[in-house]
């Protein structure tokens, strides 16, 4: 689970949007230092915080969050921020509330950064 390369992790996070019908934008990836006990038998474990943004209906964003929490890699959702935005669609019939999601996802990997 920890051998996934950084670009593969980014592709996996963006792939969640394909499943939920939203476009996911990765705004950044910040490496984080981790204190580890020196051990010649194990590889160094690195943490990367991905800053992710997407927009859609509240239902789609909640589905997206559920998939973020269940990525098939060693990860955790660190923070979520929901913001309601103005919908530019002028059709009153099709007006659905549009929401923006900003998330921070921490991923652990042994891949070199």
C-alpha atoms as a PDB file:
ATOM      1  CA  UNK A   1       0.000   0.000   0.000  1.00  0.00           C
ATOM      2  CA  UNK A   2       2.845   2.409   0.639  1.00  0.00           C
ATOM      3  CA  UNK A   3       4.827   1.836  -2.566  1.00  0.00           C
ATOM      4  CA  UNK A   4       2.570   3.997  -4.761  1.00  0.00           C
ATOM      5  CA  UNK A   5       4.379   6.793  -6.607  1.00  0.00           C
ATOM      6  CA  UNK A   6       3.287  10.409  -6.069  1.00  0.00           C
ATOM      7  CA  UNK A   7       1.860  10.794  -9.601  1.00  0.00           C
ATOM      8  CA  UNK A   8      -0.060   7.544  -9.175  1.00  0.00           C
ATOM      9  CA  UNK A   9      -1.555   8.888  -5.949  1.00  0.00           C
ATOM     10  CA  UNK A  10      -2.561  12.126  -7.699  1.00  0.00           C
ATOM     11  CA  UNK A  11      -4.195  10.122 -10.497  1.00  0.00           C
ATOM     12  CA  UNK A  12      -6.065   8.051  -7.910  1.00  0.00           C
ATOM     13  CA  UNK A  13      -7.388  11.191  -6.172  1.00  0.00           C
ATOM     14  CA  UNK A  14      -8.466  12.740  -9.498  1.00  0.00           C
ATOM     15  CA  UNK A  15     -10.072   9.418 -10.472  1.00  0.00           C
ATOM     16  CA  UNK A  16     -12.516   9.794  -7.584  1.00  0.00           C
ATOM     17  CA  UNK A  17     -14.098  12.648  -9.539  1.00  0.00           C
ATOM     18  CA  UNK A  18     -14.770  10.382 -12.494  1.00  0.00           C
ATOM     19  CA  UNK A  19     -16.728   8.080 -10.201  1.00  0.00           C
ATOM     20  CA  UNK A  20     -18.740  10.872  -8.592  1.00  0.00           C
ATOM     21  CA  UNK A  21     -19.264  13.148 -11.607  1.00  0.00           C
ATOM     22  CA  UNK A  22     -17.171  16.107 -10.448  1.00  0.00           C
ATOM     23  CA  UNK A  23     -13.895  17.530 -11.730  1.00  0.00           C
ATOM     24  CA  UNK A  24     -11.190  17.371  -9.077  1.00  0.00           C
ATOM     25  CA  UNK A  25      -8.330  19.849  -9.123  1.00  0.00           C
ATOM     26  CA  UNK A  26      -5.196  19.187  -7.096  1.00  0.00           C
ATOM     27  CA  UNK A  27      -3.899  22.612  -6.053  1.00  0.00           C
ATOM     28  CA  UNK A  28      -0.744  21.342  -4.419  1.00  0.00           C
ATOM     29  CA  UNK A  29       1.159  18.552  -2.738  1.00  0.00           C
ATOM     30  CA  UNK A  30       3.200  19.393   0.342  1.00  0.00           C
ATOM     31  CA  UNK A  31       5.707  16.900   1.740  1.00  0.00           C
ATOM     32  CA  UNK A  32       5.704  16.562   5.515  1.00  0.00           C
ATOM     33  CA  UNK A  33       8.631  15.439   7.622  1.00  0.00           C
ATOM     34  CA  UNK A  34       8.105  12.397   9.813  1.00  0.00           C
ATOM     35  CA  UNK A  35      10.263  11.317  12.739  1.00  0.00           C
ATOM     36  CA  UNK A  36      11.234   7.674  12.321  1.00  0.00           C
ATOM     37  CA  UNK A  37      13.316   5.247  14.275  1.00  0.00           C
ATOM     38  CA  UNK A  38      16.390   4.231  12.299  1.00  0.00           C
ATOM     39  CA  UNK A  39      15.921   0.677  11.101  1.00  0.00           C
ATOM     40  CA  UNK A  40      17.860  -0.829   8.217  1.00  0.00           C
ATOM     41  CA  UNK A  41      15.079  -3.321   7.430  1.00  0.00           C
ATOM     42  CA  UNK A  42      12.344  -0.782   6.622  1.00  0.00           C
ATOM     43  CA  UNK A  43      12.063   1.882   3.959  1.00  0.00           C
ATOM     44  CA  UNK A  44      11.592   5.511   4.919  1.00  0.00           C
ATOM     45  CA  UNK A  45       7.943   6.521   5.114  1.00  0.00           C
ATOM     46  CA  UNK A  46       7.022   9.932   3.672  1.00  0.00           C
ATOM     47  CA  UNK A  47       3.821  11.899   4.205  1.00  0.00           C
ATOM     48  CA  UNK A  48       2.364  14.108   1.478  1.00  0.00           C
ATOM     49  CA  UNK A  49      -0.538  16.491   2.027  1.00  0.00           C
ATOM     50  CA  UNK A  50      -2.620  16.901  -1.116  1.00  0.00           C
ATOM     51  CA  UNK A  51      -4.719  20.071  -1.329  1.00  0.00           C
ATOM     52  CA  UNK A  52      -7.799  19.265  -3.401  1.00  0.00           C
ATOM     53  CA  UNK A  53     -10.658  21.418  -4.749  1.00  0.00           C
ATOM     54  CA  UNK A  54     -13.885  20.539  -6.526  1.00  0.00           C
ATOM     55  CA  UNK A  55     -17.389  21.903  -7.138  1.00  0.00           C
ATOM     56  CA  UNK A  56     -20.772  20.263  -7.501  1.00  0.00           C
ATOM     57  CA  UNK A  57     -23.999  19.524  -5.722  1.00  0.00           C
ATOM     58  CA  UNK A  58     -23.782  18.823  -2.019  1.00  0.00           C
ATOM     59  CA  UNK A  59     -24.779  15.198  -2.607  1.00  0.00           C
ATOM     60  CA  UNK A  60     -21.980  14.632  -5.131  1.00  0.00           C
ATOM     61  CA  UNK A  61     -19.442  16.305  -2.882  1.00  0.00           C
ATOM     62  CA  UNK A  62     -20.443  14.122   0.067  1.00  0.00           C
ATOM     63  CA  UNK A  63     -20.071  11.048  -2.155  1.00  0.00           C
ATOM     64  CA  UNK A  64     -16.641  12.361  -3.187  1.00  0.00           C
ATOM     65  CA  UNK A  65     -15.631  12.769   0.476  1.00  0.00           C
ATOM     66  CA  UNK A  66     -16.760   9.215   1.234  1.00  0.00           C
ATOM     67  CA  UNK A  67     -14.478   7.921  -1.528  1.00  0.00           C
ATOM     68  CA  UNK A  68     -11.588  10.119  -0.329  1.00  0.00           C
ATOM     69  CA  UNK A  69     -11.936   8.456   3.071  1.00  0.00           C
ATOM     70  CA  UNK A  70     -11.707   5.007   1.475  1.00  0.00           C
ATOM     71  CA  UNK A  71      -8.817   5.391  -0.979  1.00  0.00           C
ATOM     72  CA  UNK A  72      -6.964   2.079  -1.496  1.00  0.00           C
ATOM     73  CA  UNK A  73      -3.755   3.571  -0.084  1.00  0.00           C
ATOM     74  CA  UNK A  74      -2.522   4.521   3.373  1.00  0.00           C
ATOM     75  CA  UNK A  75      -4.251   7.896   3.728  1.00  0.00           C
ATOM     76  CA  UNK A  76      -6.536  10.050   5.840  1.00  0.00           C
ATOM     77  CA  UNK A  77      -8.688  13.106   5.225  1.00  0.00           C
ATOM     78  CA  UNK A  78      -7.206  15.863   7.399  1.00  0.00           C
ATOM     79  CA  UNK A  79      -9.679  18.680   6.762  1.00  0.00           C
ATOM     80  CA  UNK A  80     -12.797  19.512   4.772  1.00  0.00           C
ATOM     81  CA  UNK A  81     -14.226  22.925   3.967  1.00  0.00           C
ATOM     82  CA  UNK A  82     -17.583  23.342   2.241  1.00  0.00           C
ATOM     83  CA  UNK A  83     -18.665  26.651   0.736  1.00  0.00           C
ATOM     84  CA  UNK A  84     -21.904  27.445  -1.065  1.00  0.00           C
ATOM     85  CA  UNK A  85     -21.262  29.367  -4.293  1.00  0.00           C
ATOM     86  CA  UNK A  86     -23.495  31.317  -6.639  1.00  0.00           C
ATOM     87  CA  UNK A  87     -24.855  29.254  -9.517  1.00  0.00           C
ATOM     88  CA  UNK A  88     -24.407  31.084 -12.823  1.00  0.00           C
ATOM     89  CA  UNK A  89     -27.066  28.942 -14.539  1.00  0.00           C
ATOM     90  CA  UNK A  90     -29.870  31.338 -15.475  1.00  0.00           C
ATOM     91  CA  UNK A  91     -32.509  28.624 -15.866  1.00  0.00           C
ATOM     92  CA  UNK A  92     -34.745  28.716 -12.775  1.00  0.00           C
ATOM     93  CA  UNK A  93     -35.937  25.169 -13.530  1.00  0.00           C
ATOM     94  CA  UNK A  94     -32.449  23.679 -13.309  1.00  0.00           C
ATOM     95  CA  UNK A  95     -31.189  25.684 -10.328  1.00  0.00           C
ATOM     96  CA  UNK A  96     -29.417  23.394  -7.890  1.00  0.00           C
ATOM     97  CA  UNK A  97     -27.281  24.692  -5.100  1.00  0.00           C
ATOM     98  CA  UNK A  98     -23.637  24.613  -6.139  1.00  0.00           C
ATOM     99  CA  UNK A  99     -21.021  23.894  -3.493  1.00  0.00           C
ATOM    100  CA  UNK A 100     -17.226  24.085  -3.413  1.00  0.00           C
ATOM    101  CA  UNK A 101     -15.154  21.583  -1.463  1.00  0.00           C
ATOM    102  CA  UNK A 102     -11.584  22.168  -0.308  1.00  0.00           C
ATOM    103  CA  UNK A 103      -9.944  19.123   1.237  1.00  0.00           C
ATOM    104  CA  UNK A 104      -6.556  18.177   2.623  1.00  0.00           C
ATOM    105  CA  UNK A 105      -5.660  14.513   2.250  1.00  0.00           C
ATOM    106  CA  UNK A 106      -2.561  13.065   3.916  1.00  0.00           C
ATOM    107  CA  UNK A 107      -1.017  10.106   2.092  1.00  0.00           C
ATOM    108  CA  UNK A 108       1.833   7.937   3.328  1.00  0.00           C
ATOM    109  CA  UNK A 109       4.286   6.495   0.810  1.00  0.00           C
ATOM    110  CA  UNK A 110       7.723   4.930   0.672  1.00  0.00           C
ATOM    111  CA  UNK A 111       8.260   6.385  -2.809  1.00  0.00           C
ATOM    112  CA  UNK A 112      11.008   8.955  -3.160  1.00  0.00           C
ATOM    113  CA  UNK A 113       9.802  12.544  -3.124  1.00  0.00           C
END
